[in-house]
Amino acid sequence: MHMNHKELVDNVSANLIKKSRKLESRRSWLAMRNYLQQLSDEQLEAILKDAD
């Protein structure tokens, strides 16, 4: 299944939130999303693969 960049960012951020069980603040969430947006699709896919 091939996801577009936005879907990859959504999946990685959801996975990170699920693993941490909480999010410190909206500001940290936005910082994480901004960082993830800068990554390539291959990098995002690798993060998802490593998370499993």
N, C-alpha and C. Protein backbone atom coordinates (compact mmCIF):
# COMPACT_ATOMS: atom_id res chain seq x y z
N MET A 1 0.84 -1.18 0.00
CA MET A 1 0.00 0.00 0.00
C MET A 1 0.89 1.24 0.00
N HIS A 2 0.68 2.09 -0.96
CA HIS A 2 1.48 3.31 -1.07
C HIS A 2 0.67 4.50 -0.56
N MET A 3 1.23 5.23 0.37
CA MET A 3 0.56 6.40 0.92
C MET A 3 1.21 7.66 0.38
N ASN A 4 0.41 8.71 0.31
CA ASN A 4 1.00 9.98 -0.09
C ASN A 4 1.71 10.60 1.13
N HIS A 5 2.39 11.71 0.92
CA HIS A 5 3.20 12.32 1.98
C HIS A 5 2.37 12.69 3.20
N LYS A 6 1.21 13.28 2.99
CA LYS A 6 0.36 13.68 4.12
C LYS A 6 -0.08 12.46 4.92
N GLU A 7 -0.45 11.39 4.25
CA GLU A 7 -0.86 10.17 4.94
C GLU A 7 0.30 9.58 5.74
N LEU A 8 1.50 9.63 5.19
CA LEU A 8 2.67 9.14 5.92
C LEU A 8 2.91 9.97 7.18
N VAL A 9 2.84 11.30 7.04
CA VAL A 9 3.02 12.18 8.20
C VAL A 9 1.95 11.88 9.25
N ASP A 10 0.71 11.74 8.82
CA ASP A 10 -0.39 11.43 9.74
C ASP A 10 -0.15 10.11 10.48
N ASN A 11 0.27 9.10 9.74
CA ASN A 11 0.50 7.79 10.35
C ASN A 11 1.68 7.80 11.32
N VAL A 12 2.76 8.45 10.94
CA VAL A 12 3.93 8.50 11.84
C VAL A 12 3.58 9.28 13.09
N SER A 13 2.93 10.42 12.96
CA SER A 13 2.60 11.20 14.16
C SER A 13 1.62 10.46 15.05
N ALA A 14 0.64 9.78 14.48
CA ALA A 14 -0.30 9.00 15.28
C ALA A 14 0.42 7.87 16.00
N ASN A 15 1.36 7.24 15.32
CA ASN A 15 2.12 6.15 15.93
C ASN A 15 2.96 6.67 17.10
N LEU A 16 3.60 7.81 16.92
CA LEU A 16 4.42 8.39 17.99
C LEU A 16 3.57 8.78 19.18
N ILE A 17 2.40 9.34 18.93
CA ILE A 17 1.50 9.72 20.03
C ILE A 17 1.03 8.47 20.77
N LYS A 18 0.69 7.44 20.02
CA LYS A 18 0.22 6.19 20.63
C LYS A 18 1.31 5.59 21.51
N LYS A 19 2.55 5.61 21.03
CA LYS A 19 3.65 5.05 21.80
C LYS A 19 3.95 5.85 23.06
N SER A 20 3.83 7.16 22.99
CA SER A 20 4.15 7.99 24.15
C SER A 20 2.98 8.09 25.12
N ARG A 21 1.79 7.68 24.67
CA ARG A 21 0.57 7.69 25.47
C ARG A 21 0.06 9.09 25.81
N LYS A 22 0.83 10.10 25.48
CA LYS A 22 0.37 11.47 25.72
C LYS A 22 1.17 12.41 24.83
N LEU A 23 0.71 13.60 24.77
CA LEU A 23 1.43 14.62 24.04
C LEU A 23 1.56 15.80 24.99
N GLU A 24 2.75 16.28 25.15
CA GLU A 24 3.03 17.32 26.15
C GLU A 24 2.20 18.58 25.91
N SER A 25 2.12 19.01 24.70
CA SER A 25 1.38 20.23 24.41
C SER A 25 1.09 20.32 22.92
N ARG A 26 0.19 21.20 22.60
CA ARG A 26 -0.11 21.44 21.18
C ARG A 26 1.14 21.96 20.48
N ARG A 27 1.92 22.76 21.17
CA ARG A 27 3.13 23.31 20.58
C ARG A 27 4.13 22.20 20.21
N SER A 28 4.30 21.24 21.10
CA SER A 28 5.23 20.14 20.78
C SER A 28 4.67 19.27 19.66
N TRP A 29 3.34 19.12 19.62
CA TRP A 29 2.73 18.35 18.55
C TRP A 29 2.98 19.04 17.21
N LEU A 30 2.80 20.36 17.18
CA LEU A 30 3.04 21.11 15.95
C LEU A 30 4.50 21.04 15.53
N ALA A 31 5.41 21.10 16.48
CA ALA A 31 6.83 21.00 16.17
C ALA A 31 7.14 19.63 15.57
N MET A 32 6.56 18.59 16.13
CA MET A 32 6.76 17.24 15.60
C MET A 32 6.21 17.14 14.19
N ARG A 33 5.02 17.66 13.97
CA ARG A 33 4.41 17.61 12.64
C ARG A 33 5.25 18.38 11.62
N ASN A 34 5.74 19.55 12.00
CA ASN A 34 6.58 20.34 11.10
C ASN A 34 7.84 19.58 10.73
N TYR A 35 8.45 18.92 11.70
CA TYR A 35 9.65 18.12 11.43
C TYR A 35 9.31 16.98 10.47
N LEU A 36 8.24 16.27 10.75
CA LEU A 36 7.87 15.13 9.90
C LEU A 36 7.56 15.56 8.48
N GLN A 37 6.98 16.75 8.32
CA GLN A 37 6.65 17.25 6.98
C GLN A 37 7.91 17.44 6.14
N GLN A 38 9.03 17.69 6.79
CA GLN A 38 10.28 17.94 6.08
C GLN A 38 10.97 16.65 5.62
N LEU A 39 10.57 15.53 6.17
CA LEU A 39 11.20 14.26 5.82
C LEU A 39 10.67 13.75 4.48
N SER A 40 11.47 12.94 3.83
CA SER A 40 11.04 12.33 2.56
C SER A 40 10.08 11.18 2.85
N ASP A 41 9.37 10.77 1.83
CA ASP A 41 8.47 9.63 1.97
C ASP A 41 9.23 8.39 2.42
N GLU A 42 10.43 8.20 1.89
CA GLU A 42 11.23 7.02 2.26
C GLU A 42 11.59 7.06 3.74
N GLN A 43 11.95 8.23 4.25
CA GLN A 43 12.28 8.36 5.67
C GLN A 43 11.06 8.08 6.54
N LEU A 44 9.91 8.60 6.15
CA LEU A 44 8.68 8.36 6.91
C LEU A 44 8.30 6.88 6.90
N GLU A 45 8.44 6.24 5.74
CA GLU A 45 8.15 4.81 5.64
C GLU A 45 9.09 4.01 6.53
N ALA A 46 10.35 4.41 6.60
CA ALA A 46 11.31 3.72 7.45
C ALA A 46 10.94 3.86 8.93
N ILE A 47 10.48 5.04 9.33
CA ILE A 47 10.05 5.25 10.71
C ILE A 47 8.86 4.35 11.03
N LEU A 48 7.90 4.28 10.12
CA LEU A 48 6.75 3.40 10.35
C LEU A 48 7.17 1.94 10.44
N LYS A 49 8.08 1.54 9.58
CA LYS A 49 8.57 0.15 9.58
C LYS A 49 9.28 -0.17 10.91
N ASP A 50 10.12 0.75 11.38
CA ASP A 50 10.85 0.55 12.63
C ASP A 50 9.93 0.55 13.85
N ALA A 51 8.80 1.23 13.74
CA ALA A 51 7.88 1.34 14.87
C ALA A 51 7.14 0.04 15.15
N ASP A 52 7.03 -0.80 14.13
CA ASP A 52 6.29 -2.07 14.30
C ASP A 52 7.10 -3.15 14.96
